[in-house]
Amino acid sequence: MDIADIRLAIESEPALQALLPNTQAIAAELSTRDTHKVPFEIGVGLILETIGLESGNALFDAIKATPEFRHVYPLLEQGQLDLSSPLVEIALGMLVQAEVISNSDMQILLSLCIKPVDVPESDVKQAIWHDDGSLAINLGGE
């Protein structure tokens, strides 16, 4: 979220305006709105912990039995399979279509690499005030 987006959000949302001048609270609220994928390496243990023994074991058995995935299981054993990779998402989708795991299991796994976009308080301050200390936002009539 850039400065212009922050400014627009504050100008258009009374709930954010009500938080003024608490720039930390505004930054925290804005940080809950957007997400992005971050690199997140996963291994056998975390998969079992996340989707359970039954689904996890079915997933591992399918990976081991599928020639196209022959290099995937060693990455899982080493805890180095990056869930943020588009190829991993495609492969999990294929395993859902093959009814190896549920769509819910896939979404739970993929959610591990989704993190909120951090909106720094310094950006909020820059969006609200000019360098000279004057207000940089329009609060509907000012």
C-alpha atoms as a PDB file:
ATOM      1  CA  MET A   1       0.000   0.000   0.000  1.00  0.00           C
ATOM      2  CA  ASP A   2       1.609   3.241  -1.095  1.00  0.00           C
ATOM      3  CA  ILE A   3       1.207   6.725   0.420  1.00  0.00           C
ATOM      4  CA  ALA A   4      -1.550   7.711  -2.028  1.00  0.00           C
ATOM      5  CA  ASP A   5      -3.535   4.546  -1.208  1.00  0.00           C
ATOM      6  CA  ILE A   6      -3.180   5.191   2.521  1.00  0.00           C
ATOM      7  CA  ARG A   7      -4.291   8.799   2.088  1.00  0.00           C
ATOM      8  CA  LEU A   8      -7.307   7.746   0.006  1.00  0.00           C
ATOM      9  CA  ALA A   9      -8.324   5.134   2.578  1.00  0.00           C
ATOM     10  CA  ILE A  10      -8.208   7.658   5.411  1.00  0.00           C
ATOM     11  CA  GLU A  11     -10.045  10.324   3.411  1.00  0.00           C
ATOM     12  CA  SER A  12     -12.817   7.942   2.406  1.00  0.00           C
ATOM     13  CA  GLU A  13     -13.343   5.971   5.613  1.00  0.00           C
ATOM     14  CA  PRO A  14     -14.821   7.587   8.708  1.00  0.00           C
ATOM     15  CA  ALA A  15     -13.667   4.614  10.826  1.00  0.00           C
ATOM     16  CA  LEU A  16     -10.041   5.419   9.979  1.00  0.00           C
ATOM     17  CA  GLN A  17     -10.620   9.140  10.497  1.00  0.00           C
ATOM     18  CA  ALA A  18     -11.963   8.355  13.965  1.00  0.00           C
ATOM     19  CA  LEU A  19      -8.564   6.879  14.825  1.00  0.00           C
ATOM     20  CA  LEU A  20      -6.759  10.167  14.116  1.00  0.00           C
ATOM     21  CA  PRO A  21      -4.224  11.180  15.366  1.00  0.00           C
ATOM     22  CA  ASN A  22      -3.302   7.603  16.390  1.00  0.00           C
ATOM     23  CA  THR A  23      -1.123   6.717  13.406  1.00  0.00           C
ATOM     24  CA  GLN A  24      -0.089   3.426  14.981  1.00  0.00           C
ATOM     25  CA  ALA A  25      -3.732   2.290  15.179  1.00  0.00           C
ATOM     26  CA  ILE A  26      -4.339   3.358  11.580  1.00  0.00           C
ATOM     27  CA  ALA A  27      -1.252   1.435  10.425  1.00  0.00           C
ATOM     28  CA  ALA A  28      -2.405  -1.635  12.358  1.00  0.00           C
ATOM     29  CA  GLU A  29      -5.903  -1.451  10.835  1.00  0.00           C
ATOM     30  CA  LEU A  30      -4.581  -1.004   7.290  1.00  0.00           C
ATOM     31  CA  SER A  31      -2.149  -3.890   7.793  1.00  0.00           C
ATOM     32  CA  THR A  32      -5.072  -6.284   8.274  1.00  0.00           C
ATOM     33  CA  ARG A  33      -6.576  -5.564   4.863  1.00  0.00           C
ATOM     34  CA  ASP A  34      -4.179  -6.906   2.252  1.00  0.00           C
ATOM     35  CA  THR A  35      -2.155 -10.095   2.095  1.00  0.00           C
ATOM     36  CA  HIS A  36       0.650 -11.451  -0.035  1.00  0.00           C
ATOM     37  CA  LYS A  37       2.550 -14.690  -0.441  1.00  0.00           C
ATOM     38  CA  VAL A  38       5.891 -14.997   1.271  1.00  0.00           C
ATOM     39  CA  PRO A  39       8.413 -17.788   0.871  1.00  0.00           C
ATOM     40  CA  PHE A  40       7.488 -20.521   3.337  1.00  0.00           C
ATOM     41  CA  GLU A  41       9.313 -23.823   3.406  1.00  0.00           C
ATOM     42  CA  ILE A  42       7.449 -26.816   4.761  1.00  0.00           C
ATOM     43  CA  GLY A  43       8.324 -30.374   5.645  1.00  0.00           C
ATOM     44  CA  VAL A  44       6.704 -33.654   6.550  1.00  0.00           C
ATOM     45  CA  GLY A  45       6.113 -32.791  10.211  1.00  0.00           C
ATOM     46  CA  LEU A  46       4.342 -29.494   9.610  1.00  0.00           C
ATOM     47  CA  ILE A  47       2.139 -31.023   6.920  1.00  0.00           C
ATOM     48  CA  LEU A  48       1.064 -33.774   9.321  1.00  0.00           C
ATOM     49  CA  GLU A  49       0.496 -31.186  12.031  1.00  0.00           C
ATOM     50  CA  THR A  50      -1.521 -28.974   9.690  1.00  0.00           C
ATOM     51  CA  ILE A  51      -3.803 -31.396   7.840  1.00  0.00           C
ATOM     52  CA  GLY A  52      -3.574 -34.470  10.070  1.00  0.00           C
ATOM     53  CA  LEU A  53      -2.213 -37.969   9.752  1.00  0.00           C
ATOM     54  CA  GLU A  54      -4.818 -39.369   7.378  1.00  0.00           C
ATOM     55  CA  SER A  55      -4.675 -36.566   4.810  1.00  0.00           C
ATOM     56  CA  GLY A  56      -0.948 -36.049   5.268  1.00  0.00           C
ATOM     57  CA  ASN A  57      -0.099 -39.702   4.743  1.00  0.00           C
ATOM     58  CA  ALA A  58      -2.388 -39.881   1.694  1.00  0.00           C
ATOM     59  CA  LEU A  59      -0.592 -36.840   0.290  1.00  0.00           C
ATOM     60  CA  PHE A  60       2.857 -38.347   0.889  1.00  0.00           C
ATOM     61  CA  ASP A  61       1.843 -41.706  -0.598  1.00  0.00           C
ATOM     62  CA  ALA A  62       0.536 -39.976  -3.741  1.00  0.00           C
ATOM     63  CA  ILE A  63       3.680 -37.860  -4.051  1.00  0.00           C
ATOM     64  CA  LYS A  64       5.912 -40.917  -3.719  1.00  0.00           C
ATOM     65  CA  ALA A  65       3.822 -42.901  -6.247  1.00  0.00           C
ATOM     66  CA  THR A  66       3.674 -40.176  -8.906  1.00  0.00           C
ATOM     67  CA  PRO A  67       6.737 -40.090 -11.188  1.00  0.00           C
ATOM     68  CA  GLU A  68       6.267 -36.378 -11.945  1.00  0.00           C
ATOM     69  CA  PHE A  69       6.709 -35.669  -8.213  1.00  0.00           C
ATOM     70  CA  ARG A  70       9.824 -37.825  -7.713  1.00  0.00           C
ATOM     71  CA  HIS A  71      11.927 -34.834  -6.574  1.00  0.00           C
ATOM     72  CA  VAL A  72       9.239 -33.403  -4.298  1.00  0.00           C
ATOM     73  CA  TYR A  73       9.386 -35.879  -1.425  1.00  0.00           C
ATOM     74  CA  PRO A  74      13.112 -35.281  -0.740  1.00  0.00           C
ATOM     75  CA  LEU A  75      12.312 -31.563  -0.425  1.00  0.00           C
ATOM     76  CA  LEU A  76       9.578 -32.408   2.077  1.00  0.00           C
ATOM     77  CA  GLU A  77      11.939 -34.646   4.061  1.00  0.00           C
ATOM     78  CA  GLN A  78      14.402 -31.753   4.247  1.00  0.00           C
ATOM     79  CA  GLY A  79      11.702 -29.206   5.122  1.00  0.00           C
ATOM     80  CA  GLN A  80      12.460 -27.264   1.942  1.00  0.00           C
ATOM     81  CA  LEU A  81       9.281 -27.366  -0.151  1.00  0.00           C
ATOM     82  CA  ASP A  82       8.299 -23.725  -0.730  1.00  0.00           C
ATOM     83  CA  LEU A  83       4.525 -23.369  -0.435  1.00  0.00           C
ATOM     84  CA  SER A  84       4.612 -19.950  -2.090  1.00  0.00           C
ATOM     85  CA  SER A  85       5.703 -21.485  -5.398  1.00  0.00           C
ATOM     86  CA  PRO A  86       3.019 -21.442  -8.108  1.00  0.00           C
ATOM     87  CA  LEU A  87       4.132 -24.952  -9.081  1.00  0.00           C
ATOM     88  CA  VAL A  88       3.333 -26.232  -5.596  1.00  0.00           C
ATOM     89  CA  GLU A  89      -0.138 -24.698  -5.774  1.00  0.00           C
ATOM     90  CA  ILE A  90      -0.721 -26.305  -9.183  1.00  0.00           C
ATOM     91  CA  ALA A  91       0.520 -29.674  -7.918  1.00  0.00           C
ATOM     92  CA  LEU A  92      -1.723 -29.508  -4.849  1.00  0.00           C
ATOM     93  CA  GLY A  93      -4.630 -28.625  -7.139  1.00  0.00           C
ATOM     94  CA  MET A  94      -3.904 -31.746  -9.185  1.00  0.00           C
ATOM     95  CA  LEU A  95      -3.951 -33.814  -5.995  1.00  0.00           C
ATOM     96  CA  VAL A  96      -7.295 -32.285  -5.036  1.00  0.00           C
ATOM     97  CA  GLN A  97      -8.706 -33.185  -8.463  1.00  0.00           C
ATOM     98  CA  ALA A  98      -7.426 -36.719  -7.973  1.00  0.00           C
ATOM     99  CA  GLU A  99      -9.222 -36.719  -4.592  1.00  0.00           C
ATOM    100  CA  VAL A 100      -6.001 -37.409  -2.697  1.00  0.00           C
ATOM    101  CA  ILE A 101      -6.584 -34.436  -0.403  1.00  0.00           C
ATOM    102  CA  SER A 102      -9.559 -32.120   0.005  1.00  0.00           C
ATOM    103  CA  ASN A 103      -9.735 -28.583  -1.307  1.00  0.00           C
ATOM    104  CA  SER A 104      -9.949 -27.519   2.325  1.00  0.00           C
ATOM    105  CA  ASP A 105      -6.648 -29.284   3.095  1.00  0.00           C
ATOM    106  CA  MET A 106      -5.024 -27.549   0.133  1.00  0.00           C
ATOM    107  CA  GLN A 107      -6.303 -24.129   1.237  1.00  0.00           C
ATOM    108  CA  ILE A 108      -5.111 -24.700   4.804  1.00  0.00           C
ATOM    109  CA  LEU A 109      -1.630 -25.598   3.554  1.00  0.00           C
ATOM    110  CA  LEU A 110      -1.462 -22.666   1.139  1.00  0.00           C
ATOM    111  CA  SER A 111      -2.622 -20.267   3.839  1.00  0.00           C
ATOM    112  CA  LEU A 112       0.631 -20.880   5.701  1.00  0.00           C
ATOM    113  CA  CYS A 113       2.493 -18.710   3.196  1.00  0.00           C
ATOM    114  CA  ILE A 114      -0.065 -15.883   3.201  1.00  0.00           C
ATOM    115  CA  LYS A 115       0.894 -12.967   5.404  1.00  0.00           C
ATOM    116  CA  PRO A 116      -0.604  -9.512   5.915  1.00  0.00           C
ATOM    117  CA  VAL A 117       0.947  -6.614   4.042  1.00  0.00           C
ATOM    118  CA  ASP A 118       2.656  -4.473   6.651  1.00  0.00           C
ATOM    119  CA  VAL A 119       1.747  -0.784   6.502  1.00  0.00           C
ATOM    120  CA  PRO A 120       4.474   1.100   8.369  1.00  0.00           C
ATOM    121  CA  GLU A 121       3.393   3.836  10.753  1.00  0.00           C
ATOM    122  CA  SER A 122       5.903   6.155   9.055  1.00  0.00           C
ATOM    123  CA  ASP A 123       3.952   5.783   5.789  1.00  0.00           C
ATOM    124  CA  VAL A 124       0.709   6.631   7.587  1.00  0.00           C
ATOM    125  CA  LYS A 125       2.321   9.765   9.061  1.00  0.00           C
ATOM    126  CA  GLN A 126       3.581  10.749   5.614  1.00  0.00           C
ATOM    127  CA  ALA A 127       0.097  10.242   4.168  1.00  0.00           C
ATOM    128  CA  ILE A 128      -1.520  12.428   6.823  1.00  0.00           C
ATOM    129  CA  TRP A 129       0.929  15.304   7.193  1.00  0.00           C
ATOM    130  CA  HIS A 130       3.111  17.351   4.865  1.00  0.00           C
ATOM    131  CA  ASP A 131       6.737  17.937   5.840  1.00  0.00           C
ATOM    132  CA  ASP A 132       5.787  21.348   7.249  1.00  0.00           C
ATOM    133  CA  GLY A 133       3.269  19.744   9.628  1.00  0.00           C
ATOM    134  CA  SER A 134       0.157  20.802   7.744  1.00  0.00           C
ATOM    135  CA  LEU A 135      -2.598  18.288   7.012  1.00  0.00           C
ATOM    136  CA  ALA A 136      -2.117  16.387   3.753  1.00  0.00           C
ATOM    137  CA  ILE A 137      -5.522  14.735   3.766  1.00  0.00           C
ATOM    138  CA  ASN A 138      -8.978  16.101   3.045  1.00  0.00           C
ATOM    139  CA  LEU A 139     -11.335  15.280   5.868  1.00  0.00           C
ATOM    140  CA  GLY A 140     -14.475  16.220   3.963  1.00  0.00           C
ATOM    141  CA  GLY A 141     -14.787  19.946   4.116  1.00  0.00           C
ATOM    142  CA  GLU A 142     -11.445  21.056   5.376  1.00  0.00           C
END
